[in-house]
C-alpha atoms as a PDB file:
ATOM      1  CA  MET A   1      72.365  82.246  44.884  1.00  0.00           C
ATOM      2  CA  LYS A   2      71.508  86.059  45.007  1.00  0.00           C
ATOM      3  CA  VAL A   3      75.070  87.524  44.478  1.00  0.00           C
ATOM      4  CA  ASN A   4      75.500  84.339  41.737  1.00  0.00           C
ATOM      5  CA  VAL A   5      72.746  85.551  39.626  1.00  0.00           C
ATOM      6  CA  ARG A   6      74.166  89.572  40.166  1.00  0.00           C
ATOM      7  CA  TYR A   7      77.684  88.672  39.074  1.00  0.00           C
ATOM      8  CA  LEU A   8      76.396  86.437  35.900  1.00  0.00           C
ATOM      9  CA  LEU A   9      74.141  89.036  34.733  1.00  0.00           C
ATOM     10  CA  LEU A  10      76.921  91.556  35.316  1.00  0.00           C
ATOM     11  CA  ILE A  11      79.022  89.719  32.985  1.00  0.00           C
ATOM     12  CA  LEU A  12      76.221  89.416  30.388  1.00  0.00           C
ATOM     13  CA  MET A  13      75.429  93.168  30.682  1.00  0.00           C
ATOM     14  CA  VAL A  14      79.016  94.321  30.140  1.00  0.00           C
ATOM     15  CA  LEU A  15      79.635  91.963  27.008  1.00  0.00           C
ATOM     16  CA  SER A  16      76.716  93.108  25.481  1.00  0.00           C
ATOM     17  CA  LEU A  17      77.911  96.872  25.985  1.00  0.00           C
ATOM     18  CA  GLU A  18      81.580  95.926  24.775  1.00  0.00           C
ATOM     19  CA  THR A  19      79.880  95.017  21.741  1.00  0.00           C
ATOM     20  CA  ILE A  20      79.281  98.084  20.826  1.00  0.00           C
ATOM     21  CA  ALA A  21      83.243  99.171  20.963  1.00  0.00           C
ATOM     22  CA  GLN A  22      84.814  96.212  20.210  1.00  0.00           C
ATOM     23  CA  GLU A  23      82.800  95.095  16.745  1.00  0.00           C
ATOM     24  CA  GLU A  24      84.573  98.040  14.952  1.00  0.00           C
ATOM     25  CA  ILE A  25      88.251  97.366  15.842  1.00  0.00           C
ATOM     26  CA  THR A  26      89.181  94.873  13.029  1.00  0.00           C
ATOM     27  CA  LEU A  27      87.623  93.743   9.884  1.00  0.00           C
ATOM     28  CA  GLU A  28      88.398  89.441   9.262  1.00  0.00           C
ATOM     29  CA  ASP A  29      91.749  89.573   7.942  1.00  0.00           C
ATOM     30  CA  ASP A  30      93.385  91.661  10.459  1.00  0.00           C
ATOM     31  CA  MET A  31      96.047  90.232  12.779  1.00  0.00           C
ATOM     32  CA  ARG A  32      94.727  90.608  16.437  1.00  0.00           C
ATOM     33  CA  PRO A  33      96.501  89.500  19.694  1.00  0.00           C
ATOM     34  CA  VAL A  34      95.256  85.540  20.670  1.00  0.00           C
ATOM     35  CA  TRP A  35      94.076  87.240  24.532  1.00  0.00           C
ATOM     36  CA  GLU A  36      93.946  90.850  25.688  1.00  0.00           C
ATOM     37  CA  ALA A  37      92.428  92.703  28.660  1.00  0.00           C
ATOM     38  CA  GLY A  38      92.015  96.011  30.084  1.00  0.00           C
ATOM     39  CA  THR A  39      89.150  98.300  31.004  1.00  0.00           C
ATOM     40  CA  PHE A  40      85.402  99.673  29.294  1.00  0.00           C
ATOM     41  CA  LEU A  41      83.980 102.718  29.904  1.00  0.00           C
ATOM     42  CA  GLY A  42      80.749 103.793  28.106  1.00  0.00           C
ATOM     43  CA  VAL A  43      77.776 106.130  28.687  1.00  0.00           C
ATOM     44  CA  PHE A  44      74.499 105.284  26.890  1.00  0.00           C
ATOM     45  CA  ASN A  45      71.568 107.427  26.401  1.00  0.00           C
ATOM     46  CA  ALA A  46      68.616 105.323  25.277  1.00  0.00           C
ATOM     47  CA  PRO A  47      64.650 105.069  25.132  1.00  0.00           C
ATOM     48  CA  GLU A  48      63.186 103.516  28.422  1.00  0.00           C
ATOM     49  CA  TYR A  49      61.477 101.101  26.126  1.00  0.00           C
ATOM     50  CA  PRO A  50      60.629 100.759  22.345  1.00  0.00           C
ATOM     51  CA  ALA A  51      58.467 103.626  21.472  1.00  0.00           C
ATOM     52  CA  SER A  52      58.854 105.770  24.804  1.00  0.00           C
ATOM     53  CA  ASN A  53      58.964 109.224  24.613  1.00  0.00           C
ATOM     54  CA  GLN A  54      61.445 109.522  27.921  1.00  0.00           C
ATOM     55  CA  SER A  55      64.864 108.178  28.050  1.00  0.00           C
ATOM     56  CA  ASN A  56      67.769 107.473  30.679  1.00  0.00           C
ATOM     57  CA  THR A  57      71.480 107.713  30.431  1.00  0.00           C
ATOM     58  CA  ASN A  58      73.557 104.581  32.133  1.00  0.00           C
ATOM     59  CA  VAL A  59      77.370 104.857  32.745  1.00  0.00           C
ATOM     60  CA  VAL A  60      79.043 101.761  32.427  1.00  0.00           C
ATOM     61  CA  PRO A  61      82.617 101.094  33.701  1.00  0.00           C
ATOM     62  CA  ALA A  62      84.028  97.476  33.670  1.00  0.00           C
ATOM     63  CA  PRO A  63      86.880  95.140  32.758  1.00  0.00           C
ATOM     64  CA  TYR A  64      86.878  93.280  29.326  1.00  0.00           C
ATOM     65  CA  PHE A  65      88.660  90.055  28.117  1.00  0.00           C
ATOM     66  CA  ILE A  66      88.668  88.887  24.870  1.00  0.00           C
ATOM     67  CA  TYR A  67      90.379  85.444  23.565  1.00  0.00           C
ATOM     68  CA  ARG A  68      90.599  84.247  19.955  1.00  0.00           C
ATOM     69  CA  GLY A  69      91.368  80.449  20.328  1.00  0.00           C
ATOM     70  CA  LYS A  70      91.497  77.752  17.324  1.00  0.00           C
ATOM     71  CA  THR A  71      88.307  76.542  18.361  1.00  0.00           C
ATOM     72  CA  LEU A  72      86.610  78.675  20.854  1.00  0.00           C
ATOM     73  CA  ARG A  73      86.632  82.818  21.376  1.00  0.00           C
ATOM     74  CA  ILE A  74      85.758  84.727  23.938  1.00  0.00           C
ATOM     75  CA  GLY A  75      84.275  88.452  23.496  1.00  0.00           C
ATOM     76  CA  ASP A  76      85.124  90.804  20.341  1.00  0.00           C
ATOM     77  CA  GLY A  77      81.332  91.217  19.128  1.00  0.00           C
ATOM     78  CA  SER A  78      80.110  88.118  20.472  1.00  0.00           C
ATOM     79  CA  ILE A  79      79.718  86.219  24.055  1.00  0.00           C
ATOM     80  CA  ALA A  80      81.038  83.110  22.180  1.00  0.00           C
ATOM     81  CA  ARG A  81      82.136  81.718  18.695  1.00  0.00           C
ATOM     82  CA  ALA A  82      81.749  78.350  17.406  1.00  0.00           C
ATOM     83  CA  VAL A  83      84.789  77.911  14.666  1.00  0.00           C
ATOM     84  CA  ALA A  84      83.861  74.429  13.382  1.00  0.00           C
ATOM     85  CA  VAL A  85      81.206  76.445  11.395  1.00  0.00           C
ATOM     86  CA  ASP A  86      83.561  79.450  11.087  1.00  0.00           C
ATOM     87  CA  LYS A  87      83.819  79.347   7.138  1.00  0.00           C
ATOM     88  CA  SER A  88      85.348  82.537   4.790  1.00  0.00           C
ATOM     89  CA  TRP A  89      81.769  83.464   4.067  1.00  0.00           C
ATOM     90  CA  TYR A  90      79.532  82.269   6.902  1.00  0.00           C
ATOM     91  CA  GLU A  91      80.096  81.858  10.553  1.00  0.00           C
ATOM     92  CA  LEU A  92      77.554  80.597  13.334  1.00  0.00           C
ATOM     93  CA  ASP A  93      77.889  82.466  17.066  1.00  0.00           C
ATOM     94  CA  LEU A  94      75.731  83.504  19.894  1.00  0.00           C
ATOM     95  CA  SER A  95      74.296  87.141  19.386  1.00  0.00           C
ATOM     96  CA  LEU A  96      73.894  88.949  22.806  1.00  0.00           C
ATOM     97  CA  ALA A  97      71.478  92.399  23.480  1.00  0.00           C
ATOM     98  CA  ALA A  98      70.668  94.313  26.729  1.00  0.00           C
ATOM     99  CA  SER A  99      68.581  97.210  28.061  1.00  0.00           C
ATOM    100  CA  PHE A 100      68.323  98.921  30.640  1.00  0.00           C
ATOM    101  CA  GLY A 101      65.401  99.137  33.091  1.00  0.00           C
ATOM    102  CA  ALA A 102      62.967 101.920  33.693  1.00  0.00           C
ATOM    103  CA  ASN A 103      61.198 103.551  37.210  1.00  0.00           C
ATOM    104  CA  SER A 104      57.676 103.219  36.226  1.00  0.00           C
ATOM    105  CA  ASP A 105      57.199 106.166  38.693  1.00  0.00           C
ATOM    106  CA  ASP A 106      59.266 108.417  36.589  1.00  0.00           C
ATOM    107  CA  ASN A 107      58.047 107.687  33.626  1.00  0.00           C
ATOM    108  CA  GLU A 108      54.111 109.615  32.639  1.00  0.00           C
ATOM    109  CA  ALA A 109      52.910 106.714  30.277  1.00  0.00           C
ATOM    110  CA  ARG A 110      53.506 103.662  32.844  1.00  0.00           C
ATOM    111  CA  ALA A 111      52.842 105.758  36.366  1.00  0.00           C
ATOM    112  CA  GLY A 112      51.328 103.479  38.825  1.00  0.00           C
ATOM    113  CA  MET A 113      52.834 100.453  36.471  1.00  0.00           C
ATOM    114  CA  PRO A 114      55.464  97.856  37.883  1.00  0.00           C
ATOM    115  CA  ASP A 115      58.884  98.780  36.702  1.00  0.00           C
ATOM    116  CA  LEU A 116      60.672  97.447  33.588  1.00  0.00           C
ATOM    117  CA  ASP A 117      63.701  95.599  34.728  1.00  0.00           C
ATOM    118  CA  PHE A 118      67.096  95.095  33.133  1.00  0.00           C
ATOM    119  CA  ASN A 119      66.484  93.011  29.909  1.00  0.00           C
ATOM    120  CA  PHE A 120      69.029  90.799  28.607  1.00  0.00           C
ATOM    121  CA  GLU A 121      69.140  88.855  25.144  1.00  0.00           C
ATOM    122  CA  LEU A 122      70.878  85.617  24.158  1.00  0.00           C
ATOM    123  CA  GLY A 123      70.478  83.414  21.146  1.00  0.00           C
ATOM    124  CA  PRO A 124      71.808  81.875  17.967  1.00  0.00           C
ATOM    125  CA  GLN A 125      73.350  83.906  14.826  1.00  0.00           C
ATOM    126  CA  LEU A 126      74.079  83.037  11.728  1.00  0.00           C
ATOM    127  CA  ARG A 127      76.288  85.597  10.189  1.00  0.00           C
ATOM    128  CA  LEU A 128      76.644  85.863   6.355  1.00  0.00           C
ATOM    129  CA  ARG A 129      79.539  88.024   4.268  1.00  0.00           C
ATOM    130  CA  LEU A 130      77.809  89.118   1.134  1.00  0.00           C
ATOM    131  CA  SER A 131      81.258  90.814  -0.038  1.00  0.00           C
ATOM    132  CA  LYS A 132      84.285  92.425   0.105  1.00  0.00           C
ATOM    133  CA  PHE A 133      85.551  96.185  -0.674  1.00  0.00           C
ATOM    134  CA  GLU A 134      88.757  97.443  -0.958  1.00  0.00           C
ATOM    135  CA  PHE A 135      89.294 100.841  -1.895  1.00  0.00           C
ATOM    136  CA  ASP A 136      92.570 103.062  -3.396  1.00  0.00           C
ATOM    137  CA  ASP A 137      92.273 105.819  -0.131  1.00  0.00           C
ATOM    138  CA  HIS A 138      89.541 104.322   1.989  1.00  0.00           C
ATOM    139  CA  GLY A 139      90.730 101.044   3.566  1.00  0.00           C
ATOM    140  CA  LYS A 140      88.409  97.682   3.411  1.00  0.00           C
ATOM    141  CA  GLY A 141      84.942  96.635   3.878  1.00  0.00           C
ATOM    142  CA  GLU A 142      82.522  93.916   4.576  1.00  0.00           C
ATOM    143  CA  LEU A 143      78.876  93.696   3.703  1.00  0.00           C
ATOM    144  CA  PHE A 144      76.788  91.080   6.254  1.00  0.00           C
ATOM    145  CA  LEU A 145      73.566  89.693   6.561  1.00  0.00           C
ATOM    146  CA  ASN A 146      73.082  88.274  10.009  1.00  0.00           C
ATOM    147  CA  LEU A 147      70.310  86.461  11.194  1.00  0.00           C
ATOM    148  CA  GLN A 148      69.494  86.402  14.888  1.00  0.00           C
ATOM    149  CA  THR A 149      66.984  84.781  17.021  1.00  0.00           C
ATOM    150  CA  ARG A 150      67.427  85.338  21.020  1.00  0.00           C
ATOM    151  CA  ALA A 151      65.448  84.532  24.104  1.00  0.00           C
ATOM    152  CA  VAL A 152      64.517  87.446  26.069  1.00  0.00           C
ATOM    153  CA  PHE A 153      65.030  88.105  29.930  1.00  0.00           C
ATOM    154  CA  SER A 154      64.438  90.204  32.619  1.00  0.00           C
ATOM    155  CA  THR A 155      65.855  90.588  36.220  1.00  0.00           C
ATOM    156  CA  ASP A 156      65.751  92.663  38.930  1.00  0.00           C
ATOM    157  CA  PHE A 157      69.075  91.251  39.890  1.00  0.00           C
ATOM    158  CA  SER A 158      67.353  88.930  42.514  1.00  0.00           C
ATOM    159  CA  GLY A 159      65.859  86.336  39.998  1.00  0.00           C
ATOM    160  CA  ILE A 160      65.357  86.007  35.967  1.00  0.00           C
ATOM    161  CA  ASP A 161      61.886  85.994  34.449  1.00  0.00           C
ATOM    162  CA  HIS A 162      61.662  85.018  30.802  1.00  0.00           C
ATOM    163  CA  ARG A 163      59.835  87.577  28.560  1.00  0.00           C
ATOM    164  CA  GLY A 164      59.765  85.830  24.978  1.00  0.00           C
ATOM    165  CA  TYR A 165      61.533  86.003  21.671  1.00  0.00           C
ATOM    166  CA  VAL A 166      62.674  88.169  19.110  1.00  0.00           C
ATOM    167  CA  PHE A 167      63.794  87.471  15.622  1.00  0.00           C
ATOM    168  CA  GLN A 168      66.200  90.404  14.405  1.00  0.00           C
ATOM    169  CA  PRO A 169      67.974  89.990  10.797  1.00  0.00           C
ATOM    170  CA  GLU A 170      70.385  92.711  10.120  1.00  0.00           C
ATOM    171  CA  LEU A 171      72.147  94.229   7.668  1.00  0.00           C
ATOM    172  CA  ARG A 172      75.389  95.458   8.817  1.00  0.00           C
ATOM    173  CA  TYR A 173      78.493  97.371   6.569  1.00  0.00           C
ATOM    174  CA  ARG A 174      81.653  97.892   8.041  1.00  0.00           C
ATOM    175  CA  GLN A 175      84.378  99.750   6.784  1.00  0.00           C
ATOM    176  CA  ARG A 176      88.412  99.903   7.966  1.00  0.00           C
ATOM    177  CA  GLY A 177      89.987 103.483   7.454  1.00  0.00           C
ATOM    178  CA  TRP A 178      87.385 105.496   6.497  1.00  0.00           C
ATOM    179  CA  LEU A 179      89.006 108.643   7.344  1.00  0.00           C
ATOM    180  CA  SER A 180      92.438 107.247   8.388  1.00  0.00           C
ATOM    181  CA  GLU A 181      93.977 104.024   9.138  1.00  0.00           C
ATOM    182  CA  LYS A 182      92.283 103.421  12.463  1.00  0.00           C
ATOM    183  CA  THR A 183      89.358 105.004  11.949  1.00  0.00           C
ATOM    184  CA  ALA A 184      86.121 102.240  11.601  1.00  0.00           C
ATOM    185  CA  LEU A 185      82.847 103.243  10.324  1.00  0.00           C
ATOM    186  CA  SER A 186      79.798 100.818  10.872  1.00  0.00           C
ATOM    187  CA  ILE A 187      76.067 101.216   9.356  1.00  0.00           C
ATOM    188  CA  SER A 188      73.063  98.895   9.787  1.00  0.00           C
ATOM    189  CA  LEU A 189      69.725  98.241   9.401  1.00  0.00           C
ATOM    190  CA  SER A 190      67.737  95.601  11.555  1.00  0.00           C
ATOM    191  CA  PRO A 191      63.717  95.352  11.556  1.00  0.00           C
ATOM    192  CA  THR A 192      62.947  93.030  14.549  1.00  0.00           C
ATOM    193  CA  TRP A 193      59.607  90.873  15.076  1.00  0.00           C
ATOM    194  CA  ALA A 194      58.817  89.797  18.544  1.00  0.00           C
ATOM    195  CA  SER A 195      56.362  87.226  20.345  1.00  0.00           C
ATOM    196  CA  GLU A 196      53.564  88.271  22.237  1.00  0.00           C
ATOM    197  CA  LYS A 197      54.915  87.921  25.719  1.00  0.00           C
ATOM    198  CA  LEU A 198      57.542  90.471  24.756  1.00  0.00           C
ATOM    199  CA  HIS A 199      54.734  92.740  23.541  1.00  0.00           C
ATOM    200  CA  ASP A 200      52.903  92.082  26.891  1.00  0.00           C
ATOM    201  CA  TYR A 201      55.786  93.378  28.740  1.00  0.00           C
ATOM    202  CA  PHE A 202      55.968  96.545  27.048  1.00  0.00           C
ATOM    203  CA  TYR A 203      53.032  97.403  26.049  1.00  0.00           C
ATOM    204  CA  GLN A 204      49.687  95.543  27.963  1.00  0.00           C
ATOM    205  CA  VAL A 205      47.597  97.439  30.035  1.00  0.00           C
ATOM    206  CA  ASN A 206      45.471  94.988  32.279  1.00  0.00           C
ATOM    207  CA  GLN A 207      42.359  96.083  33.708  1.00  0.00           C
ATOM    208  CA  GLU A 208      44.330  96.928  37.458  1.00  0.00           C
ATOM    209  CA  PHE A 209      46.046  99.629  36.009  1.00  0.00           C
ATOM    210  CA  VAL A 210      43.908 101.466  33.736  1.00  0.00           C
ATOM    211  CA  THR A 211      43.086 104.994  34.426  1.00  0.00           C
ATOM    212  CA  ALA A 212      41.817 107.984  33.433  1.00  0.00           C
ATOM    213  CA  GLN A 213      44.562 108.335  30.706  1.00  0.00           C
ATOM    214  CA  ARG A 214      45.357 104.953  30.322  1.00  0.00           C
ATOM    215  CA  SER A 215      42.614 102.310  28.867  1.00  0.00           C
ATOM    216  CA  ALA A 216      42.741  98.226  29.366  1.00  0.00           C
ATOM    217  CA  TYR A 217      44.775  97.168  26.020  1.00  0.00           C
ATOM    218  CA  ASP A 218      45.281  93.436  25.221  1.00  0.00           C
ATOM    219  CA  ALA A 219      48.727  93.304  23.465  1.00  0.00           C
ATOM    220  CA  LYS A 220      49.517  91.211  20.645  1.00  0.00           C
ATOM    221  CA  ALA A 221      52.822  89.527  18.624  1.00  0.00           C
ATOM    222  CA  GLY A 222      54.332  90.737  15.945  1.00  0.00           C
ATOM    223  CA  TYR A 223      56.566  93.829  14.429  1.00  0.00           C
ATOM    224  CA  LEU A 224      58.205  95.640  16.828  1.00  0.00           C
ATOM    225  CA  GLY A 225      60.567  98.250  14.863  1.00  0.00           C
ATOM    226  CA  THR A 226      63.332  98.913  12.879  1.00  0.00           C
ATOM    227  CA  ARG A 227      66.532 100.173  14.011  1.00  0.00           C
ATOM    228  CA  ILE A 228      69.386 102.327  11.657  1.00  0.00           C
ATOM    229  CA  LEU A 229      72.580 102.774  13.663  1.00  0.00           C
ATOM    230  CA  LEU A 230      75.537 104.394  12.671  1.00  0.00           C
ATOM    231  CA  ASN A 231      79.082 103.629  14.785  1.00  0.00           C
ATOM    232  CA  VAL A 232      82.269 105.340  14.322  1.00  0.00           C
ATOM    233  CA  SER A 233      85.410 104.523  16.313  1.00  0.00           C
ATOM    234  CA  PHE A 234      89.347 105.116  16.235  1.00  0.00           C
ATOM    235  CA  ASN A 235      92.250 105.232  18.553  1.00  0.00           C
ATOM    236  CA  ALA A 236      92.770 107.792  20.532  1.00  0.00           C
ATOM    237  CA  THR A 237      96.284 106.355  21.248  1.00  0.00           C
ATOM    238  CA  GLU A 238      98.070 102.932  20.355  1.00  0.00           C
ATOM    239  CA  ASN A 239      95.971 101.277  23.253  1.00  0.00           C
ATOM    240  CA  ILE A 240      92.996 103.507  23.820  1.00  0.00           C
ATOM    241  CA  ARG A 241      90.157 103.387  21.201  1.00  0.00           C
ATOM    242  CA  VAL A 242      87.569 105.449  21.521  1.00  0.00           C
ATOM    243  CA  PHE A 243      83.911 104.758  20.217  1.00  0.00           C
ATOM    244  CA  LEU A 244      80.566 106.992  19.204  1.00  0.00           C
ATOM    245  CA  GLY A 245      77.183 105.645  18.223  1.00  0.00           C
ATOM    246  CA  VAL A 246      73.620 106.841  17.291  1.00  0.00           C
ATOM    247  CA  SER A 247      70.366 104.993  16.106  1.00  0.00           C
ATOM    248  CA  SER A 248      67.012 105.829  15.696  1.00  0.00           C
ATOM    249  CA  SER A 249      64.129 103.743  15.630  1.00  0.00           C
ATOM    250  CA  ILE A 250      61.045 103.438  13.436  1.00  0.00           C
ATOM    251  CA  HIS A 251      58.099 102.063  15.125  1.00  0.00           C
ATOM    252  CA  ASN A 252      55.548 103.242  12.368  1.00  0.00           C
ATOM    253  CA  GLY A 253      53.536  99.827  11.628  1.00  0.00           C
ATOM    254  CA  ALA A 254      54.017  98.421  14.928  1.00  0.00           C
ATOM    255  CA  ALA A 255      51.788  95.256  15.907  1.00  0.00           C
ATOM    256  CA  ASN A 256      50.840  97.352  18.872  1.00  0.00           C
ATOM    257  CA  GLU A 257      50.987 101.201  18.388  1.00  0.00           C
ATOM    258  CA  ASP A 258      47.278 101.343  19.698  1.00  0.00           C
ATOM    259  CA  SER A 259      48.575 100.755  22.579  1.00  0.00           C
ATOM    260  CA  PRO A 260      48.277 103.859  25.432  1.00  0.00           C
ATOM    261  CA  LEU A 261      51.769 103.094  26.087  1.00  0.00           C
ATOM    262  CA  PHE A 262      52.842 103.600  22.617  1.00  0.00           C
ATOM    263  CA  ILE A 263      53.916 107.339  22.811  1.00  0.00           C
ATOM    264  CA  ASP A 264      56.248 107.796  19.820  1.00  0.00           C
ATOM    265  CA  ASN A 265      56.910 106.506  16.437  1.00  0.00           C
ATOM    266  CA  ASN A 266      60.369 107.763  16.120  1.00  0.00           C
ATOM    267  CA  THR A 267      63.157 107.101  19.131  1.00  0.00           C
ATOM    268  CA  TYR A 268      66.816 108.071  19.114  1.00  0.00           C
ATOM    269  CA  SER A 269      69.809 106.237  21.137  1.00  0.00           C
ATOM    270  CA  PHE A 270      73.096 107.599  21.736  1.00  0.00           C
ATOM    271  CA  GLY A 271      76.255 106.014  22.747  1.00  0.00           C
ATOM    272  CA  ALA A 272      80.211 107.289  23.805  1.00  0.00           C
ATOM    273  CA  GLY A 273      83.158 105.591  25.364  1.00  0.00           C
ATOM    274  CA  MET A 274      86.369 103.660  25.173  1.00  0.00           C
ATOM    275  CA  VAL A 275      88.505 100.663  25.590  1.00  0.00           C
ATOM    276  CA  TRP A 276      91.819 100.568  26.975  1.00  0.00           C
ATOM    277  CA  ARG A 277      94.031  97.794  26.255  1.00  0.00           C
ATOM    278  CA  LEU A 278      95.937  97.184  29.407  1.00  0.00           C
ATOM    279  CA  TRP A 279      97.419  93.894  28.338  1.00  0.00           C
ATOM    280  CA  GLU A 280      97.723  91.360  25.405  1.00  0.00           C
ATOM    281  CA  SER A 281      99.685  88.113  24.113  1.00  0.00           C
ATOM    282  CA  GLN A 282     102.699  88.785  21.969  1.00  0.00           C
ATOM    283  CA  GLU A 283     100.739  85.650  19.541  1.00  0.00           C
ATOM    284  CA  LYS A 284      98.844  87.138  16.852  1.00  0.00           C
ATOM    285  CA  VAL A 285      96.118  85.206  14.993  1.00  0.00           C
ATOM    286  CA  ALA A 286      94.050  86.315  11.834  1.00  0.00           C
ATOM    287  CA  GLY A 287      90.351  85.654  10.341  1.00  0.00           C
ATOM    288  CA  ARG A 288      87.158  86.826  13.078  1.00  0.00           C
END
């Protein structure tokens, strides 16, 4: 069972990280292969937890696979898509997010406390396309409102613990042909609210972990922070696509900013990598 859990979590992690690269490749009306497969390589630097003043860098190499069927779609920006409710202006699918863990012994604020495990989030997403744009010299654009609710889990790859829920509405603008025909730009704004259980995981300090520098703290549910994300991707070759991303998370006014584990109101994340398509179907399909 332990091996199966490891494989499952690896798949979830790869799918969530590939979303960063794959989501920017195409807009709704582009023709794409019914299926494609290849390799993915990404480098990510992000805070060890929300409002932490320390960050981790992780490298993720992995295979990838995308299938765009008539009734089921796998990958390509989400785990699976329910095509039965895929309309011209709205779509219901599954949303996935993930973050790497942190060794508390290496984190000054959490020294002596339990480690933070790898986190992954899974839940429904309603995507509403608010508008479409066409530019004479800069391609096409789309504006979406994504309403996302996800359950949060943590794992040390030997078991899984439920950590609560998040609600994350996201306003996202995507533009294909920004600088050239194969260049894409994505900008998003996403505030997040979380249940008490998740805030406890990040910010609670029980009596047994109190020190001279760290007082006891009882975390509560509420606002977690707002992320502003900028992604750019482009074709390095016909089959290799490169992506670059940077984000800023603003935690002013968060529910637990008085926690001794809440250190920095503004944090930053960076990502870069490539998707190398090795095989694809001859048949093409349009639409999301």
